[in-house]
């Protein structure tokens, strides 16, 4: 599993590609890695209405990375299952390390 493919460097931090399953019975961020789409998978318990699933994803990712929630934002895919998240103030390597630990 090479999750490095899902995390790209960005001038302000890094960008992480996610595929989400909203309305799931369990919460898991990340829940796996899809090598064909080079994206991390996430199962969210919130439904995709009024931005609740997006908020849950950004809050869970911020908690995992140990940063404030306002440093994570959905760059694209607000109304899609495939999302790009900008994580400000954390390097690609730091993000990959934290995500790999969670997936072990």
C-alpha atoms as a PDB file:
ATOM      1  CA  UNK A   1       0.000   0.000   0.000  1.00  0.00           C
ATOM      2  CA  UNK A   2       1.676   3.205  -1.181  1.00  0.00           C
ATOM      3  CA  UNK A   3      -0.439   6.017   0.212  1.00  0.00           C
ATOM      4  CA  UNK A   4       2.227   8.507  -0.898  1.00  0.00           C
ATOM      5  CA  UNK A   5       0.334   8.561  -4.203  1.00  0.00           C
ATOM      6  CA  UNK A   6      -2.674  10.157  -2.457  1.00  0.00           C
ATOM      7  CA  UNK A   7      -0.677  12.921  -0.742  1.00  0.00           C
ATOM      8  CA  UNK A   8       0.894  15.686  -2.831  1.00  0.00           C
ATOM      9  CA  UNK A   9       3.073  18.575  -1.681  1.00  0.00           C
ATOM     10  CA  UNK A  10       1.561  22.077  -1.829  1.00  0.00           C
ATOM     11  CA  UNK A  11       3.184  25.484  -1.185  1.00  0.00           C
ATOM     12  CA  UNK A  12       1.011  25.913   1.916  1.00  0.00           C
ATOM     13  CA  UNK A  13       1.256  22.303   3.158  1.00  0.00           C
ATOM     14  CA  UNK A  14      -0.081  19.241   1.336  1.00  0.00           C
ATOM     15  CA  UNK A  15      -3.109  18.047  -0.638  1.00  0.00           C
ATOM     16  CA  UNK A  16      -4.736  14.711   0.167  1.00  0.00           C
ATOM     17  CA  UNK A  17      -7.074  12.870  -2.203  1.00  0.00           C
ATOM     18  CA  UNK A  18      -9.998  11.048  -0.555  1.00  0.00           C
ATOM     19  CA  UNK A  19     -12.910   8.915  -1.715  1.00  0.00           C
ATOM     20  CA  UNK A  20     -15.679   9.086   0.883  1.00  0.00           C
ATOM     21  CA  UNK A  21     -18.628   6.885   1.760  1.00  0.00           C
ATOM     22  CA  UNK A  22     -21.091   9.086   3.676  1.00  0.00           C
ATOM     23  CA  UNK A  23     -23.894   7.655   5.786  1.00  0.00           C
ATOM     24  CA  UNK A  24     -21.805   4.650   6.790  1.00  0.00           C
ATOM     25  CA  UNK A  25     -22.467   2.683   9.956  1.00  0.00           C
ATOM     26  CA  UNK A  26     -18.893   3.250  11.112  1.00  0.00           C
ATOM     27  CA  UNK A  27     -16.500   6.185  11.185  1.00  0.00           C
ATOM     28  CA  UNK A  28     -13.030   5.495   9.785  1.00  0.00           C
ATOM     29  CA  UNK A  29     -10.691   8.192   8.438  1.00  0.00           C
ATOM     30  CA  UNK A  30      -8.823   6.793   6.598  1.00  0.00           C
ATOM     31  CA  UNK A  31     -10.401   3.381   6.122  1.00  0.00           C
ATOM     32  CA  UNK A  32      -8.125   2.160   3.333  1.00  0.00           C
ATOM     33  CA  UNK A  33      -6.334   3.035   0.122  1.00  0.00           C
ATOM     34  CA  UNK A  34      -7.538   2.614  -3.465  1.00  0.00           C
ATOM     35  CA  UNK A  35      -4.405   2.122  -5.613  1.00  0.00           C
ATOM     36  CA  UNK A  36      -6.317   2.390  -8.893  1.00  0.00           C
ATOM     37  CA  UNK A  37      -7.546   5.878  -8.046  1.00  0.00           C
ATOM     38  CA  UNK A  38      -4.556   6.842  -5.902  1.00  0.00           C
ATOM     39  CA  UNK A  39      -6.936   7.936  -3.160  1.00  0.00           C
ATOM     40  CA  UNK A  40      -7.451   7.264   0.511  1.00  0.00           C
ATOM     41  CA  UNK A  41     -10.867   5.950   1.471  1.00  0.00           C
ATOM     42  CA  UNK A  42     -12.977   7.285   4.331  1.00  0.00           C
ATOM     43  CA  UNK A  43     -16.211   6.007   5.857  1.00  0.00           C
ATOM     44  CA  UNK A  44     -18.268   8.796   7.425  1.00  0.00           C
ATOM     45  CA  UNK A  45     -21.345   8.464   9.622  1.00  0.00           C
ATOM     46  CA  UNK A  46     -22.721  11.870   8.592  1.00  0.00           C
ATOM     47  CA  UNK A  47     -25.005  12.211   5.585  1.00  0.00           C
ATOM     48  CA  UNK A  48     -23.927  14.414   2.666  1.00  0.00           C
ATOM     49  CA  UNK A  49     -26.348  17.239   3.357  1.00  0.00           C
ATOM     50  CA  UNK A  50     -25.556  20.822   4.321  1.00  0.00           C
ATOM     51  CA  UNK A  51     -21.843  20.022   4.350  1.00  0.00           C
ATOM     52  CA  UNK A  52     -22.047  17.734   7.368  1.00  0.00           C
ATOM     53  CA  UNK A  53     -20.016  14.905   5.803  1.00  0.00           C
ATOM     54  CA  UNK A  54     -17.358  17.382   4.624  1.00  0.00           C
ATOM     55  CA  UNK A  55     -17.120  18.864   8.131  1.00  0.00           C
ATOM     56  CA  UNK A  56     -16.792  15.422   9.673  1.00  0.00           C
ATOM     57  CA  UNK A  57     -14.026  14.496   7.231  1.00  0.00           C
ATOM     58  CA  UNK A  58     -12.036  17.691   7.839  1.00  0.00           C
ATOM     59  CA  UNK A  59     -12.442  17.457  11.629  1.00  0.00           C
ATOM     60  CA  UNK A  60     -11.406  13.797  11.759  1.00  0.00           C
ATOM     61  CA  UNK A  61      -8.400  14.406   9.514  1.00  0.00           C
ATOM     62  CA  UNK A  62      -7.316  17.413  11.592  1.00  0.00           C
ATOM     63  CA  UNK A  63      -7.578  15.336  14.766  1.00  0.00           C
ATOM     64  CA  UNK A  64      -5.538  12.536  13.230  1.00  0.00           C
ATOM     65  CA  UNK A  65      -2.833  14.978  12.142  1.00  0.00           C
ATOM     66  CA  UNK A  66      -2.898  16.849  15.454  1.00  0.00           C
ATOM     67  CA  UNK A  67      -3.710  20.242  13.963  1.00  0.00           C
ATOM     68  CA  UNK A  68      -6.605  22.704  14.385  1.00  0.00           C
ATOM     69  CA  UNK A  69      -9.666  21.985  12.235  1.00  0.00           C
ATOM     70  CA  UNK A  70      -9.478  25.326  10.430  1.00  0.00           C
ATOM     71  CA  UNK A  71      -6.189  24.216   8.822  1.00  0.00           C
ATOM     72  CA  UNK A  72      -8.000  21.564   6.751  1.00  0.00           C
ATOM     73  CA  UNK A  73     -10.328  22.556   3.918  1.00  0.00           C
ATOM     74  CA  UNK A  74     -12.040  20.860   0.999  1.00  0.00           C
ATOM     75  CA  UNK A  75     -10.403  22.312  -2.121  1.00  0.00           C
ATOM     76  CA  UNK A  76     -12.565  20.440  -4.615  1.00  0.00           C
ATOM     77  CA  UNK A  77     -15.316  17.860  -4.565  1.00  0.00           C
ATOM     78  CA  UNK A  78     -17.636  19.560  -2.083  1.00  0.00           C
ATOM     79  CA  UNK A  79     -20.571  17.664  -3.617  1.00  0.00           C
ATOM     80  CA  UNK A  80     -18.676  14.612  -4.825  1.00  0.00           C
ATOM     81  CA  UNK A  81     -17.440  11.388  -3.285  1.00  0.00           C
ATOM     82  CA  UNK A  82     -13.945  12.212  -4.582  1.00  0.00           C
ATOM     83  CA  UNK A  83     -12.403  15.109  -2.654  1.00  0.00           C
ATOM     84  CA  UNK A  84      -9.134  17.011  -2.519  1.00  0.00           C
ATOM     85  CA  UNK A  85      -8.305  18.361   0.923  1.00  0.00           C
ATOM     86  CA  UNK A  86      -5.744  21.094   1.539  1.00  0.00           C
ATOM     87  CA  UNK A  87      -3.909  20.657   4.823  1.00  0.00           C
ATOM     88  CA  UNK A  88      -2.061  23.850   5.736  1.00  0.00           C
ATOM     89  CA  UNK A  89       1.082  23.901   7.854  1.00  0.00           C
ATOM     90  CA  UNK A  90       2.028  20.228   7.604  1.00  0.00           C
ATOM     91  CA  UNK A  91       4.439  18.655   5.154  1.00  0.00           C
ATOM     92  CA  UNK A  92       3.648  15.794   2.826  1.00  0.00           C
ATOM     93  CA  UNK A  93       6.007  13.506   4.744  1.00  0.00           C
ATOM     94  CA  UNK A  94       4.404  14.337   8.107  1.00  0.00           C
ATOM     95  CA  UNK A  95       0.940  13.639   6.704  1.00  0.00           C
ATOM     96  CA  UNK A  96       2.013  10.352   5.094  1.00  0.00           C
ATOM     97  CA  UNK A  97       3.611   9.195   8.361  1.00  0.00           C
ATOM     98  CA  UNK A  98       0.457   9.934  10.408  1.00  0.00           C
ATOM     99  CA  UNK A  99      -1.851   8.325   7.830  1.00  0.00           C
ATOM    100  CA  UNK A 100       0.297   5.190   7.557  1.00  0.00           C
ATOM    101  CA  UNK A 101       0.246   4.775  11.345  1.00  0.00           C
ATOM    102  CA  UNK A 102      -3.545   4.956  11.325  1.00  0.00           C
ATOM    103  CA  UNK A 103      -3.858   2.347   8.569  1.00  0.00           C
ATOM    104  CA  UNK A 104      -1.603  -0.230  10.268  1.00  0.00           C
END
